[in-house]
Amino acid sequence: MRHSYRSLREFEALRMLIATGTATAAARRLGISQSAVSRAITQLETRLGQVLFERRQGRMSPTADYRPSVSCRTDRFVPKGAPRAEGYI
């Protein structure tokens, strides 16, 4: 079960980082430290074997390879092509 909890934390960090654009803002919204967000994203990238974010001047944005594969809003995270439901983009 520990693996599932770690995956959930990584997913939440990913979702919030996409929504806010910075690890600091994502951490503030999640109620955790900035280093915890950065660590979760780094662990997720390592596990997936790909870089998910471009890091520039304190901001993080999804890489070109990753950007087309997701749609995101602060309260929803849906893979492109998934059936739409109320509240999804």
N, C-alpha and C. Protein backbone atom coordinates (compact mmCIF):
# COMPACT_ATOMS: atom_id res chain seq x y z
N MET A 1 0.81 -1.20 0.00
CA MET A 1 0.00 0.00 0.00
C MET A 1 0.86 1.27 0.00
N ARG A 2 2.06 1.19 0.52
CA ARG A 2 2.95 2.35 0.55
C ARG A 2 3.19 2.88 -0.85
N HIS A 3 3.36 2.00 -1.82
CA HIS A 3 3.58 2.42 -3.20
C HIS A 3 2.39 3.24 -3.71
N SER A 4 1.19 2.84 -3.40
CA SER A 4 -0.01 3.56 -3.84
C SER A 4 -0.05 4.95 -3.24
N TYR A 5 0.31 5.06 -1.97
CA TYR A 5 0.31 6.36 -1.31
C TYR A 5 1.35 7.27 -1.96
N ARG A 6 2.52 6.73 -2.24
CA ARG A 6 3.57 7.52 -2.89
C ARG A 6 3.10 7.97 -4.26
N SER A 7 2.47 7.09 -5.01
CA SER A 7 1.97 7.43 -6.33
C SER A 7 0.91 8.53 -6.24
N LEU A 8 0.06 8.45 -5.24
CA LEU A 8 -0.97 9.46 -5.06
C LEU A 8 -0.34 10.82 -4.76
N ARG A 9 0.66 10.84 -3.89
CA ARG A 9 1.36 12.09 -3.58
C ARG A 9 2.02 12.66 -4.83
N GLU A 10 2.65 11.80 -5.64
CA GLU A 10 3.29 12.26 -6.87
C GLU A 10 2.25 12.82 -7.83
N PHE A 11 1.11 12.13 -7.96
CA PHE A 11 0.05 12.58 -8.84
C PHE A 11 -0.49 13.94 -8.39
N GLU A 12 -0.71 14.11 -7.10
CA GLU A 12 -1.20 15.39 -6.58
C GLU A 12 -0.19 16.50 -6.84
N ALA A 13 1.10 16.21 -6.63
CA ALA A 13 2.14 17.21 -6.91
C ALA A 13 2.16 17.55 -8.39
N LEU A 14 2.05 16.54 -9.24
CA LEU A 14 2.02 16.74 -10.69
C LEU A 14 0.84 17.62 -11.09
N ARG A 15 -0.33 17.27 -10.61
CA ARG A 15 -1.56 18.00 -10.94
C ARG A 15 -1.45 19.46 -10.50
N MET A 16 -1.00 19.69 -9.29
CA MET A 16 -0.93 21.04 -8.77
C MET A 16 0.19 21.84 -9.43
N LEU A 17 1.29 21.19 -9.77
CA LEU A 17 2.38 21.87 -10.45
C LEU A 17 1.95 22.33 -11.84
N ILE A 18 1.20 21.51 -12.54
CA ILE A 18 0.68 21.90 -13.85
C ILE A 18 -0.26 23.10 -13.69
N ALA A 19 -1.08 23.07 -12.67
CA ALA A 19 -2.07 24.13 -12.44
C ALA A 19 -1.43 25.46 -12.04
N THR A 20 -0.35 25.40 -11.24
CA THR A 20 0.22 26.63 -10.69
C THR A 20 1.48 27.12 -11.41
N GLY A 21 2.27 26.20 -11.95
CA GLY A 21 3.48 26.58 -12.67
C GLY A 21 4.73 26.68 -11.83
N THR A 22 4.61 26.64 -10.50
CA THR A 22 5.80 26.66 -9.65
C THR A 22 5.65 25.66 -8.51
N ALA A 23 6.79 25.11 -8.10
CA ALA A 23 6.77 24.16 -6.98
C ALA A 23 6.35 24.86 -5.69
N THR A 24 6.74 26.12 -5.54
CA THR A 24 6.37 26.87 -4.34
C THR A 24 4.87 27.06 -4.24
N ALA A 25 4.24 27.48 -5.34
CA ALA A 25 2.78 27.68 -5.34
C ALA A 25 2.05 26.34 -5.17
N ALA A 26 2.56 25.30 -5.83
CA ALA A 26 1.94 23.98 -5.69
C ALA A 26 2.02 23.51 -4.24
N ALA A 27 3.17 23.71 -3.63
CA ALA A 27 3.36 23.30 -2.23
C ALA A 27 2.41 24.06 -1.31
N ARG A 28 2.29 25.34 -1.54
CA ARG A 28 1.39 26.16 -0.71
C ARG A 28 -0.04 25.63 -0.80
N ARG A 29 -0.49 25.32 -2.00
CA ARG A 29 -1.86 24.84 -2.19
C ARG A 29 -2.07 23.44 -1.62
N LEU A 30 -1.01 22.62 -1.63
CA LEU A 30 -1.11 21.27 -1.10
C LEU A 30 -0.83 21.21 0.40
N GLY A 31 -0.30 22.29 0.95
CA GLY A 31 0.01 22.32 2.38
C GLY A 31 1.23 21.50 2.75
N ILE A 32 2.20 21.43 1.81
CA ILE A 32 3.45 20.71 2.04
C ILE A 32 4.61 21.62 1.67
N SER A 33 5.83 21.17 1.87
CA SER A 33 7.00 21.99 1.55
C SER A 33 7.29 21.98 0.05
N GLN A 34 7.99 23.02 -0.39
CA GLN A 34 8.40 23.11 -1.79
C GLN A 34 9.32 21.95 -2.15
N SER A 35 10.20 21.58 -1.22
CA SER A 35 11.12 20.48 -1.49
C SER A 35 10.38 19.15 -1.64
N ALA A 36 9.26 18.99 -0.92
CA ALA A 36 8.46 17.77 -1.06
C ALA A 36 7.83 17.67 -2.45
N VAL A 37 7.38 18.80 -2.98
CA VAL A 37 6.82 18.82 -4.35
C VAL A 37 7.92 18.49 -5.35
N SER A 38 9.05 19.16 -5.24
CA SER A 38 10.16 18.91 -6.16
C SER A 38 10.63 17.46 -6.11
N ARG A 39 10.72 16.92 -4.90
CA ARG A 39 11.14 15.52 -4.72
C ARG A 39 10.12 14.56 -5.36
N ALA A 40 8.83 14.83 -5.18
CA ALA A 40 7.79 13.96 -5.76
C ALA A 40 7.86 13.97 -7.28
N ILE A 41 8.08 15.15 -7.87
CA ILE A 41 8.17 15.25 -9.33
C ILE A 41 9.42 14.55 -9.83
N THR A 42 10.53 14.73 -9.15
CA THR A 42 11.78 14.06 -9.54
C THR A 42 11.62 12.54 -9.45
N GLN A 43 10.99 12.05 -8.39
CA GLN A 43 10.77 10.61 -8.25
C GLN A 43 9.86 10.08 -9.36
N LEU A 44 8.83 10.84 -9.69
CA LEU A 44 7.91 10.43 -10.76
C LEU A 44 8.64 10.39 -12.10
N GLU A 45 9.43 11.41 -12.39
CA GLU A 45 10.19 11.44 -13.64
C GLU A 45 11.17 10.27 -13.70
N THR A 46 11.82 9.97 -12.59
CA THR A 46 12.76 8.85 -12.54
C THR A 46 12.04 7.53 -12.80
N ARG A 47 10.90 7.36 -12.14
CA ARG A 47 10.15 6.11 -12.30
C ARG A 47 9.63 5.95 -13.73
N LEU A 48 9.19 7.04 -14.35
CA LEU A 48 8.68 6.98 -15.72
C LEU A 48 9.79 6.97 -16.76
N GLY A 49 10.97 7.42 -16.36
CA GLY A 49 12.10 7.44 -17.29
C GLY A 49 12.01 8.56 -18.31
N GLN A 50 11.33 9.65 -17.95
CA GLN A 50 11.25 10.78 -18.86
C GLN A 50 11.10 12.08 -18.08
N VAL A 51 11.58 13.16 -18.68
CA VAL A 51 11.45 14.48 -18.08
C VAL A 51 10.06 14.99 -18.40
N LEU A 52 9.32 15.39 -17.39
CA LEU A 52 7.95 15.86 -17.57
C LEU A 52 7.85 17.38 -17.61
N PHE A 53 8.84 18.07 -17.02
CA PHE A 53 8.78 19.52 -16.92
C PHE A 53 10.05 20.18 -17.40
N GLU A 54 9.88 21.33 -18.07
CA GLU A 54 10.99 22.22 -18.39
C GLU A 54 11.12 23.17 -17.20
N ARG A 55 12.31 23.35 -16.73
CA ARG A 55 12.55 24.21 -15.57
C ARG A 55 13.29 25.45 -16.04
N ARG A 56 12.61 26.61 -15.89
CA ARG A 56 13.21 27.88 -16.31
C ARG A 56 12.87 28.99 -15.34
N GLN A 57 13.87 29.65 -14.83
CA GLN A 57 13.72 30.82 -13.98
C GLN A 57 12.65 30.66 -12.90
N GLY A 58 12.71 29.54 -12.19
CA GLY A 58 11.78 29.31 -11.09
C GLY A 58 10.42 28.79 -11.50
N ARG A 59 10.12 28.73 -12.80
CA ARG A 59 8.84 28.22 -13.27
C ARG A 59 9.04 26.84 -13.88
N MET A 60 8.01 26.03 -13.83
CA MET A 60 8.06 24.70 -14.42
C MET A 60 6.85 24.55 -15.32
N SER A 61 7.09 24.12 -16.55
CA SER A 61 5.98 23.89 -17.47
C SER A 61 6.16 22.52 -18.10
N PRO A 62 5.05 21.86 -18.43
CA PRO A 62 5.15 20.52 -19.03
C PRO A 62 5.98 20.56 -20.32
N THR A 63 6.79 19.55 -20.52
CA THR A 63 7.59 19.48 -21.75
C THR A 63 6.67 19.32 -22.95
N ALA A 64 7.20 19.62 -24.12
CA ALA A 64 6.43 19.50 -25.35
C ALA A 64 5.91 18.08 -25.55
N ASP A 65 6.71 17.09 -25.19
CA ASP A 65 6.29 15.69 -25.33
C ASP A 65 5.15 15.35 -24.39
N TYR A 66 5.15 15.94 -23.22
CA TYR A 66 4.15 15.63 -22.20
C TYR A 66 2.89 16.48 -22.34
N ARG A 67 3.04 17.75 -22.73
CA ARG A 67 1.94 18.70 -22.81
C ARG A 67 0.73 18.19 -23.60
N PRO A 68 0.92 17.59 -24.77
CA PRO A 68 -0.26 17.17 -25.54
C PRO A 68 -1.02 16.00 -24.92
N SER A 69 -0.42 15.31 -23.98
CA SER A 69 -1.07 14.10 -23.47
C SER A 69 -2.03 14.34 -22.31
N VAL A 70 -2.10 15.56 -21.80
CA VAL A 70 -3.01 15.82 -20.67
C VAL A 70 -3.78 17.12 -20.84
N SER A 71 -4.93 17.15 -20.23
CA SER A 71 -5.69 18.38 -20.03
C SER A 71 -5.78 18.54 -18.53
N CYS A 72 -5.66 19.75 -18.06
CA CYS A 72 -5.65 19.92 -16.61
C CYS A 72 -6.35 21.20 -16.19
N ARG A 73 -7.04 21.13 -15.09
CA ARG A 73 -7.60 22.26 -14.40
C ARG A 73 -7.27 22.04 -12.95
N THR A 74 -7.35 23.05 -12.10
CA THR A 74 -6.90 22.88 -10.73
C THR A 74 -7.67 21.80 -9.99
N ASP A 75 -8.88 21.49 -10.42
CA ASP A 75 -9.65 20.49 -9.68
C ASP A 75 -9.86 19.19 -10.47
N ARG A 76 -9.33 19.10 -11.68
CA ARG A 76 -9.50 17.90 -12.49
C ARG A 76 -8.24 17.61 -13.28
N PHE A 77 -8.00 16.37 -13.57
CA PHE A 77 -6.84 15.94 -14.35
C PHE A 77 -7.32 14.79 -15.22
N VAL A 78 -7.36 14.98 -16.52
CA VAL A 78 -7.94 13.99 -17.41
C VAL A 78 -7.04 13.79 -18.62
N PRO A 79 -6.68 12.55 -18.95
CA PRO A 79 -5.92 12.32 -20.17
C PRO A 79 -6.73 12.75 -21.39
N LYS A 80 -6.05 13.33 -22.37
CA LYS A 80 -6.75 13.72 -23.60
C LYS A 80 -7.36 12.49 -24.23
N GLY A 81 -8.54 12.66 -24.79
CA GLY A 81 -9.22 11.55 -25.42
C GLY A 81 -10.13 10.78 -24.48
N ALA A 82 -10.02 11.04 -23.19
CA ALA A 82 -10.88 10.35 -22.22
C ALA A 82 -12.30 10.91 -22.35
N PRO A 83 -13.30 10.10 -22.06
CA PRO A 83 -14.68 10.59 -22.12
C PRO A 83 -14.86 11.80 -21.20
N ARG A 84 -15.60 12.77 -21.68
CA ARG A 84 -15.80 13.98 -20.87
C ARG A 84 -16.96 13.79 -19.90
N ALA A 85 -16.81 14.40 -18.75
CA ALA A 85 -17.85 14.37 -17.74
C ALA A 85 -17.94 15.77 -17.17
N GLU A 86 -18.98 16.06 -16.45
CA GLU A 86 -19.16 17.37 -15.85
C GLU A 86 -17.93 17.74 -15.01
N GLY A 87 -17.44 18.97 -15.19
CA GLY A 87 -16.28 19.42 -14.44
C GLY A 87 -14.97 19.18 -15.15
N TYR A 88 -14.97 18.41 -16.22
CA TYR A 88 -13.73 18.16 -16.97
C TYR A 88 -13.64 19.13 -18.12
N ILE A 89 -12.43 19.40 -18.52
CA ILE A 89 -12.20 20.30 -19.65
C ILE A 89 -12.56 19.59 -20.93
